[in-house]
Amino acid sequence: MTVHIGANPGEIAETVLLPGDPLRAEWVAQTFLDDAECVNRVRGMYGFTGFWKGHRVSVHGSGMGMPSLSIYANELIRDYGAKTLIRIGSCGAMQQSVSVRDVILAMTASSLSTPSRGIFRELNFAPCADYGLLRAAADAAERIGAKPHVGGIYSADVFYDERPDLNEIMTRHGILGVEMEAAELYNLAARHGVRALAVLTVSDHLITQEALPAEDRQSSFAEMVEIALEAAFA
């Protein structure tokens, strides 16, 4: 047990999917895993462990934003031996070529700052995904007929952004979408020598202002989860 995760030793698998929403973690466990058991309820941040096609896997909520994700990812890696961590979440599209419901595979994750900034100091470290996971996810997406976009994303510190000038610069430089967690996940994976990837479903569009209704989001995210699981055990 740790400060934030109440699981006993051995109750967390080496492969962990990380949705931000703990209720989405519950939905993933109930929908995709066999023999899933709840292994964490501390602070309402649910974690589950079960089996997918015979492979042991955990699904654990990470909360919103990089500071929250950093807490759970650190403890999962250092205290529970997680070796593969895949963020599954939503994002906002920043390119006309990307549509709502599309899947983005984050090759890199730019940011203004992360919880790791104090360690890097003057270095502008470039956090990136594990290539093996990235390639496996792209292959899996094509097999199931998804439309994957592979490239850079932006991990924001704030949800209610008031920097249209920054958004314009990122769009100009090919950033595919914006979310709030992947950059720090990639930092931690590099630091601890584990694998990480962010598989994201586009839930809204910053240019067209299109957005998925709340009731459609969960069903649209199933494709993303399938891609993540296929990539983890390719």
Protein backbone atom coordinates (compact mmCIF):
# COMPACT_ATOMS: atom_id res chain seq x y z
CA MET A 1 0.00 0.00 0.00
CA THR A 2 1.07 3.57 -0.68
CA VAL A 3 -0.30 6.95 0.37
CA HIS A 4 -2.66 7.08 -2.62
CA ILE A 5 -3.06 3.44 -3.72
CA GLY A 6 -4.51 0.88 -1.34
CA ALA A 7 -3.68 -2.21 -3.39
CA ASN A 8 -1.72 -4.97 -1.69
CA PRO A 9 1.62 -6.15 -3.12
CA GLY A 10 1.01 -8.21 -6.26
CA GLU A 11 -2.47 -6.80 -6.94
CA ILE A 12 -1.30 -4.43 -9.70
CA ALA A 13 -0.29 -5.89 -13.06
CA GLU A 14 2.86 -4.88 -14.93
CA THR A 15 0.64 -3.40 -17.66
CA VAL A 16 -1.59 -0.51 -16.55
CA LEU A 17 -4.11 1.52 -18.52
CA LEU A 18 -4.55 5.04 -17.16
CA PRO A 19 -7.83 6.84 -17.85
CA GLY A 20 -8.19 10.14 -16.07
CA ASP A 21 -11.71 9.43 -14.84
CA PRO A 22 -11.96 6.70 -12.16
CA LEU A 23 -15.47 5.85 -13.37
CA ARG A 24 -14.05 5.27 -16.83
CA ALA A 25 -11.56 2.88 -15.23
CA GLU A 26 -14.52 0.99 -13.80
CA TRP A 27 -16.25 0.94 -17.20
CA VAL A 28 -13.11 -0.36 -18.93
CA ALA A 29 -12.68 -3.11 -16.33
CA GLN A 30 -16.32 -4.20 -16.62
CA THR A 31 -16.36 -4.03 -20.42
CA PHE A 32 -12.98 -5.44 -21.44
CA LEU A 33 -11.54 -7.50 -18.58
CA ASP A 34 -12.35 -10.96 -17.29
CA ASP A 35 -12.39 -11.63 -13.54
CA ALA A 36 -11.78 -7.96 -12.79
CA GLU A 37 -11.40 -7.06 -9.12
CA CYS A 38 -11.31 -3.60 -7.56
CA VAL A 39 -7.91 -3.17 -5.91
CA ASN A 40 -8.05 0.52 -5.01
CA ARG A 41 -10.70 2.92 -3.75
CA VAL A 42 -8.52 5.48 -1.94
CA ARG A 43 -9.87 9.02 -2.53
CA GLY A 44 -12.38 7.53 -4.97
CA MET A 45 -9.62 6.86 -7.51
CA TYR A 46 -10.63 3.36 -8.55
CA GLY A 47 -8.17 0.74 -9.73
CA PHE A 48 -9.00 -2.71 -11.12
CA THR A 49 -7.00 -5.77 -12.11
CA GLY A 50 -8.22 -8.56 -14.37
CA PHE A 51 -7.41 -10.40 -17.58
CA TRP A 52 -7.68 -9.52 -21.25
CA LYS A 53 -7.29 -12.48 -23.61
CA GLY A 54 -5.34 -14.24 -20.88
CA HIS A 55 -3.04 -11.28 -20.20
CA ARG A 56 -3.06 -9.74 -16.74
CA VAL A 57 -3.77 -6.01 -16.86
CA SER A 58 -4.74 -3.23 -14.46
CA VAL A 59 -6.84 -0.13 -15.13
CA HIS A 60 -6.31 2.76 -12.73
CA GLY A 61 -7.65 6.30 -12.68
CA SER A 62 -5.06 9.09 -12.79
CA GLY A 63 -7.14 12.21 -12.21
CA MET A 64 -7.00 15.44 -14.19
CA GLY A 65 -3.74 17.18 -14.96
CA MET A 66 -0.07 16.31 -14.79
CA PRO A 67 0.40 16.76 -11.01
CA SER A 68 -2.33 14.19 -10.32
CA LEU A 69 -1.07 11.74 -12.92
CA SER A 70 2.46 12.12 -11.56
CA ILE A 71 1.37 10.87 -8.14
CA TYR A 72 -0.26 7.71 -9.47
CA ALA A 73 2.33 6.94 -12.15
CA ASN A 74 5.20 7.33 -9.68
CA GLU A 75 3.60 4.98 -7.16
CA LEU A 76 2.56 2.44 -9.79
CA ILE A 77 6.11 2.30 -11.16
CA ARG A 78 8.16 2.53 -7.97
CA ASP A 79 5.96 0.63 -5.51
CA TYR A 80 3.99 -1.79 -7.69
CA GLY A 81 6.43 -2.60 -10.50
CA ALA A 82 4.40 -1.30 -13.45
CA LYS A 83 6.41 -1.68 -16.66
CA THR A 84 3.95 -0.53 -19.34
CA LEU A 85 1.68 2.48 -18.78
CA ILE A 86 -0.79 3.59 -21.44
CA ARG A 87 -2.88 6.69 -21.00
CA ILE A 88 -6.36 6.33 -22.50
CA GLY A 89 -8.26 9.59 -22.57
CA SER A 90 -9.92 12.35 -24.54
CA CYS A 91 -8.38 15.32 -26.28
CA GLY A 92 -9.25 18.36 -28.33
CA ALA A 93 -8.26 18.38 -32.00
CA MET A 94 -6.08 21.20 -33.31
CA GLN A 95 -5.92 20.33 -37.02
CA GLN A 96 -8.59 20.46 -39.71
CA SER A 97 -7.51 17.00 -40.86
CA VAL A 98 -8.44 15.51 -37.49
CA SER A 99 -12.11 14.81 -36.80
CA VAL A 100 -14.17 14.19 -33.70
CA ARG A 101 -14.06 10.46 -32.79
CA ASP A 102 -10.67 10.00 -34.49
CA VAL A 103 -7.84 8.39 -32.52
CA ILE A 104 -4.54 10.18 -31.91
CA LEU A 105 -1.37 8.28 -30.99
CA ALA A 106 0.93 10.74 -29.25
CA MET A 107 4.48 10.37 -30.56
CA THR A 108 5.65 13.43 -28.60
CA ALA A 109 4.07 15.70 -26.00
CA SER A 110 4.95 19.39 -25.84
CA SER A 111 4.18 21.51 -22.78
CA LEU A 112 4.80 24.88 -21.16
CA SER A 113 5.78 23.13 -17.93
CA THR A 114 5.47 19.80 -16.15
CA PRO A 115 6.04 18.58 -12.59
CA SER A 116 9.49 17.45 -13.84
CA ARG A 117 10.56 20.98 -14.76
CA GLY A 118 12.47 21.38 -11.51
CA ILE A 119 14.61 18.36 -12.35
CA PHE A 120 15.40 19.38 -15.93
CA ARG A 121 16.08 23.03 -14.98
CA GLU A 122 17.39 24.78 -18.10
CA LEU A 123 17.03 21.69 -20.32
CA ASN A 124 14.09 21.57 -22.73
CA PHE A 125 13.67 17.79 -22.53
CA ALA A 126 11.59 16.30 -25.36
CA PRO A 127 9.31 13.59 -23.87
CA CYS A 128 8.21 10.94 -26.34
CA ALA A 129 6.34 7.64 -26.50
CA ASP A 130 7.91 4.20 -26.50
CA TYR A 131 8.43 3.36 -30.17
CA GLY A 132 7.45 -0.31 -29.84
CA LEU A 133 4.13 0.63 -28.26
CA LEU A 134 3.56 3.41 -30.77
CA ARG A 135 4.15 1.14 -33.74
CA ALA A 136 2.02 -1.66 -32.27
CA ALA A 137 -0.82 0.79 -31.59
CA ALA A 138 -0.71 2.13 -35.16
CA ASP A 139 -0.85 -1.41 -36.51
CA ALA A 140 -3.72 -2.31 -34.16
CA ALA A 141 -5.68 0.78 -35.15
CA GLU A 142 -5.40 -0.07 -38.83
CA ARG A 143 -6.46 -3.68 -38.21
CA ILE A 144 -9.71 -2.64 -36.57
CA GLY A 145 -10.43 -0.01 -39.20
CA ALA A 146 -9.77 3.03 -37.02
CA LYS A 147 -8.35 6.25 -38.38
CA PRO A 148 -5.17 6.85 -36.37
CA HIS A 149 -3.23 10.11 -36.45
CA VAL A 150 0.38 9.77 -35.27
CA GLY A 151 2.29 12.86 -34.22
CA GLY A 152 2.84 15.51 -31.59
CA ILE A 153 0.31 16.65 -29.02
CA TYR A 154 0.27 19.40 -26.40
CA SER A 155 -0.14 18.70 -22.68
CA ALA A 156 -1.69 21.77 -21.06
CA ASP A 157 -1.50 22.95 -17.46
CA VAL A 158 -4.99 24.42 -17.59
CA PHE A 159 -8.34 23.37 -19.02
CA TYR A 160 -9.76 26.88 -19.45
CA ASP A 161 -7.00 28.22 -21.67
CA GLU A 162 -6.87 31.90 -22.63
CA ARG A 163 -3.93 31.76 -25.04
CA PRO A 164 -5.38 31.78 -28.57
CA ASP A 165 -1.98 32.96 -29.83
CA LEU A 166 -0.31 29.81 -28.46
CA ASN A 167 -3.00 27.60 -29.98
CA GLU A 168 -2.40 29.21 -33.36
CA ILE A 169 1.35 28.58 -33.12
CA MET A 170 0.83 24.94 -32.19
CA THR A 171 -1.64 24.42 -35.03
CA ARG A 172 0.87 25.99 -37.42
CA HIS A 173 3.53 23.54 -36.21
CA GLY A 174 1.38 20.46 -36.71
CA ILE A 175 0.30 19.70 -33.14
CA LEU A 176 -2.59 17.27 -33.50
CA GLY A 177 -4.45 17.77 -30.24
CA VAL A 178 -4.41 19.01 -26.68
CA GLU A 179 -4.87 17.13 -23.40
CA MET A 180 -3.46 17.47 -19.87
CA GLU A 181 -1.37 14.46 -18.82
CA ALA A 182 0.82 12.75 -21.44
CA ALA A 183 3.97 14.90 -21.21
CA GLU A 184 4.58 14.04 -17.57
CA LEU A 185 3.77 10.38 -18.15
CA TYR A 186 6.46 10.31 -20.85
CA ASN A 187 8.91 12.10 -18.55
CA LEU A 188 8.40 9.55 -15.79
CA ALA A 189 8.65 6.61 -18.18
CA ALA A 190 12.00 7.88 -19.46
CA ARG A 191 13.26 8.46 -15.90
CA HIS A 192 12.33 5.00 -14.67
CA GLY A 193 13.05 3.03 -17.83
CA VAL A 194 9.51 1.82 -18.51
CA ARG A 195 7.23 1.96 -21.58
CA ALA A 196 4.57 4.63 -22.04
CA LEU A 197 2.08 5.73 -24.67
CA ALA A 198 -0.96 7.98 -24.88
CA VAL A 199 -3.89 6.75 -27.00
CA LEU A 200 -6.46 9.52 -27.27
CA THR A 201 -9.96 9.88 -28.65
CA VAL A 202 -10.92 13.26 -30.08
CA SER A 203 -13.93 14.44 -28.08
CA ASP A 204 -14.03 18.04 -29.30
CA HIS A 205 -12.44 20.31 -31.89
CA LEU A 206 -10.79 23.63 -31.12
CA ILE A 207 -11.19 24.91 -34.68
CA THR A 208 -14.67 23.74 -35.69
CA GLN A 209 -16.09 23.80 -32.14
CA GLU A 210 -17.70 20.40 -32.74
CA ALA A 211 -17.99 18.24 -29.62
CA LEU A 212 -19.24 14.79 -28.74
CA PRO A 213 -22.38 14.77 -26.58
CA ALA A 214 -21.71 13.34 -23.13
CA GLU A 215 -23.81 10.26 -23.83
CA ASP A 216 -21.75 9.44 -26.95
CA ARG A 217 -18.33 9.72 -25.38
CA GLN A 218 -18.22 6.39 -23.60
CA SER A 219 -19.22 4.32 -26.63
CA SER A 220 -16.76 6.20 -28.83
CA PHE A 221 -13.90 5.43 -26.42
CA ALA A 222 -14.17 1.65 -26.83
CA GLU A 223 -12.02 1.76 -29.97
CA MET A 224 -9.25 3.56 -28.09
CA VAL A 225 -9.22 0.95 -25.31
CA GLU A 226 -9.03 -1.90 -27.79
CA ILE A 227 -6.06 -0.26 -29.52
CA ALA A 228 -4.27 0.24 -26.20
CA LEU A 229 -4.75 -3.38 -25.14
CA GLU A 230 -3.66 -4.73 -28.51
CA ALA A 231 -0.54 -2.55 -28.42
CA ALA A 232 0.38 -3.54 -24.87
CA PHE A 233 0.48 -7.24 -25.68
CA ALA A 234 1.57 -7.21 -29.32
